[in-house]
Every structure is written in structure tokens, then in C-alpha cells.
C-alpha atoms as a PDB file:
ATOM      1  CA  MET A   1     290.999  -7.814  31.617  1.00  0.00           C
ATOM      2  CA  SER A   2     288.654 -10.845  31.343  1.00  0.00           C
ATOM      3  CA  ARG A   3     287.742 -10.601  35.010  1.00  0.00           C
ATOM      4  CA  ILE A   4     286.815  -6.960  34.742  1.00  0.00           C
ATOM      5  CA  LEU A   5     284.687  -7.492  31.671  1.00  0.00           C
ATOM      6  CA  THR A   6     282.967 -10.433  33.347  1.00  0.00           C
ATOM      7  CA  THR A   7     282.169  -8.272  36.384  1.00  0.00           C
ATOM      8  CA  ILE A   8     280.885  -5.426  34.190  1.00  0.00           C
ATOM      9  CA  MET A   9     278.628  -7.874  32.325  1.00  0.00           C
ATOM     10  CA  MET A  10     277.322  -9.388  35.529  1.00  0.00           C
ATOM     11  CA  ILE A  11     276.534  -5.997  37.046  1.00  0.00           C
ATOM     12  CA  GLY A  12     274.905  -4.905  33.767  1.00  0.00           C
ATOM     13  CA  SER A  13     272.794  -8.051  33.680  1.00  0.00           C
ATOM     14  CA  ILE A  14     271.636  -7.550  37.297  1.00  0.00           C
ATOM     15  CA  VAL A  15     270.764  -3.877  36.732  1.00  0.00           C
ATOM     16  CA  TYR A  16     268.811  -4.925  33.594  1.00  0.00           C
ATOM     17  CA  LEU A  17     266.896  -7.613  35.401  1.00  0.00           C
ATOM     18  CA  VAL A  18     266.134  -5.469  38.395  1.00  0.00           C
ATOM     19  CA  PHE A  19     264.853  -2.656  35.964  1.00  0.00           C
ATOM     20  CA  ARG A  20     262.796  -5.011  33.871  1.00  0.00           C
ATOM     21  CA  TYR A  21     261.092  -6.737  36.878  1.00  0.00           C
ATOM     22  CA  ARG A  22     261.089  -3.676  39.207  1.00  0.00           C
ATOM     23  CA  TYR A  23     257.298  -3.754  39.779  1.00  0.00           C
ATOM     24  CA  ARG A  24     257.200  -7.485  40.500  1.00  0.00           C
ATOM     25  CA  LEU A  25     260.146  -7.035  42.962  1.00  0.00           C
ATOM     26  CA  LEU A  26     258.437  -4.067  44.627  1.00  0.00           C
ATOM     27  CA  ASN A  27     255.170  -6.036  44.988  1.00  0.00           C
ATOM     28  CA  LEU A  28     257.129  -9.032  46.428  1.00  0.00           C
ATOM     29  CA  LEU A  29     258.939  -6.847  48.972  1.00  0.00           C
ATOM     30  CA  LEU A  30     255.785  -4.802  49.991  1.00  0.00           C
ATOM     31  CA  ALA A  31     253.786  -7.936  50.412  1.00  0.00           C
ATOM     32  CA  SER A  32     255.266  -8.331  53.899  1.00  0.00           C
ATOM     33  CA  VAL A  33     253.601  -6.190  56.528  1.00  0.00           C
ATOM     34  CA  TRP A  34     256.826  -5.270  58.302  1.00  0.00           C
ATOM     35  CA  MET A  35     258.621  -4.355  55.103  1.00  0.00           C
ATOM     36  CA  ARG A  36     255.670  -2.183  54.031  1.00  0.00           C
ATOM     37  CA  ARG A  37     255.764  -0.501  57.512  1.00  0.00           C
ATOM     38  CA  LEU A  38     259.484   0.059  57.161  1.00  0.00           C
ATOM     39  CA  ALA A  39     259.201   1.488  53.730  1.00  0.00           C
ATOM     40  CA  VAL A  40     256.388   3.931  54.723  1.00  0.00           C
ATOM     41  CA  SER A  41     258.195   5.012  57.857  1.00  0.00           C
ATOM     42  CA  SER A  42     261.438   5.673  56.061  1.00  0.00           C
ATOM     43  CA  VAL A  43     259.692   7.655  53.253  1.00  0.00           C
ATOM     44  CA  MET A  44     257.678   9.751  55.801  1.00  0.00           C
ATOM     45  CA  LYS A  45     260.962  10.895  57.438  1.00  0.00           C
ATOM     46  CA  PHE A  46     261.447  13.249  54.512  1.00  0.00           C
ATOM     47  CA  PRO A  47     259.732  16.614  55.417  1.00  0.00           C
ATOM     48  CA  VAL A  48     258.778  17.458  51.804  1.00  0.00           C
ATOM     49  CA  ILE A  49     257.109  14.132  51.150  1.00  0.00           C
ATOM     50  CA  ARG A  50     255.383  14.118  54.520  1.00  0.00           C
ATOM     51  CA  ARG A  51     253.951  17.610  53.997  1.00  0.00           C
ATOM     52  CA  LYS A  52     252.679  16.834  50.527  1.00  0.00           C
ATOM     53  CA  MET A  53     251.161  13.589  51.663  1.00  0.00           C
ATOM     54  CA  MET A  54     249.399  15.118  54.669  1.00  0.00           C
ATOM     55  CA  GLN A  55     248.073  17.946  52.410  1.00  0.00           C
ATOM     56  CA  SER A  56     246.710  15.393  49.948  1.00  0.00           C
ATOM     57  CA  VAL A  57     245.121  13.203  52.559  1.00  0.00           C
ATOM     58  CA  PHE A  58     243.730  15.737  54.968  1.00  0.00           C
ATOM     59  CA  GLY A  59     243.307  18.724  52.636  1.00  0.00           C
ATOM     60  CA  GLY A  60     244.767  22.123  53.148  1.00  0.00           C
ATOM     61  CA  PRO A  61     245.966  25.041  51.210  1.00  0.00           C
ATOM     62  CA  SER A  62     247.354  24.148  47.870  1.00  0.00           C
ATOM     63  CA  GLU A  63     250.797  25.481  46.995  1.00  0.00           C
ATOM     64  CA  TRP A  64     250.208  25.800  43.271  1.00  0.00           C
END
């Protein structure tokens, strides 16, 4: 029982710290060129996101 409680507390602490420092972690990860390129290429694989991004960058008919 003690081991399970310790595991739950550790996971909870990690989740809390990641949530609290999420923007610092994101800035740290995206500071690297290849990580930024990987993040952008993986996000642009989603058609909905890609379509909205292209419309906002290059213009086009608005859907709303």
C-alpha cells in the first residue's frame, strides 16, 4: 500500500511541476532548431490545423 501511495504522490508531483512550469519547458524545448522543426512538421500533419494556418497566413475565404 505504501508503494502505491508513493507512486501516486510522485506522479502527482511530476504532473504538478510540468503544469506549473509548462511555458518554461516549452521554451526550453523549442529553443532547439531541430525540435522546433519537428514540432511544426508534426502539427502540420493534421489537416484541420494546416487548413486554418494556411488561411490565416495566405488569406482566403473565411468559414465563419
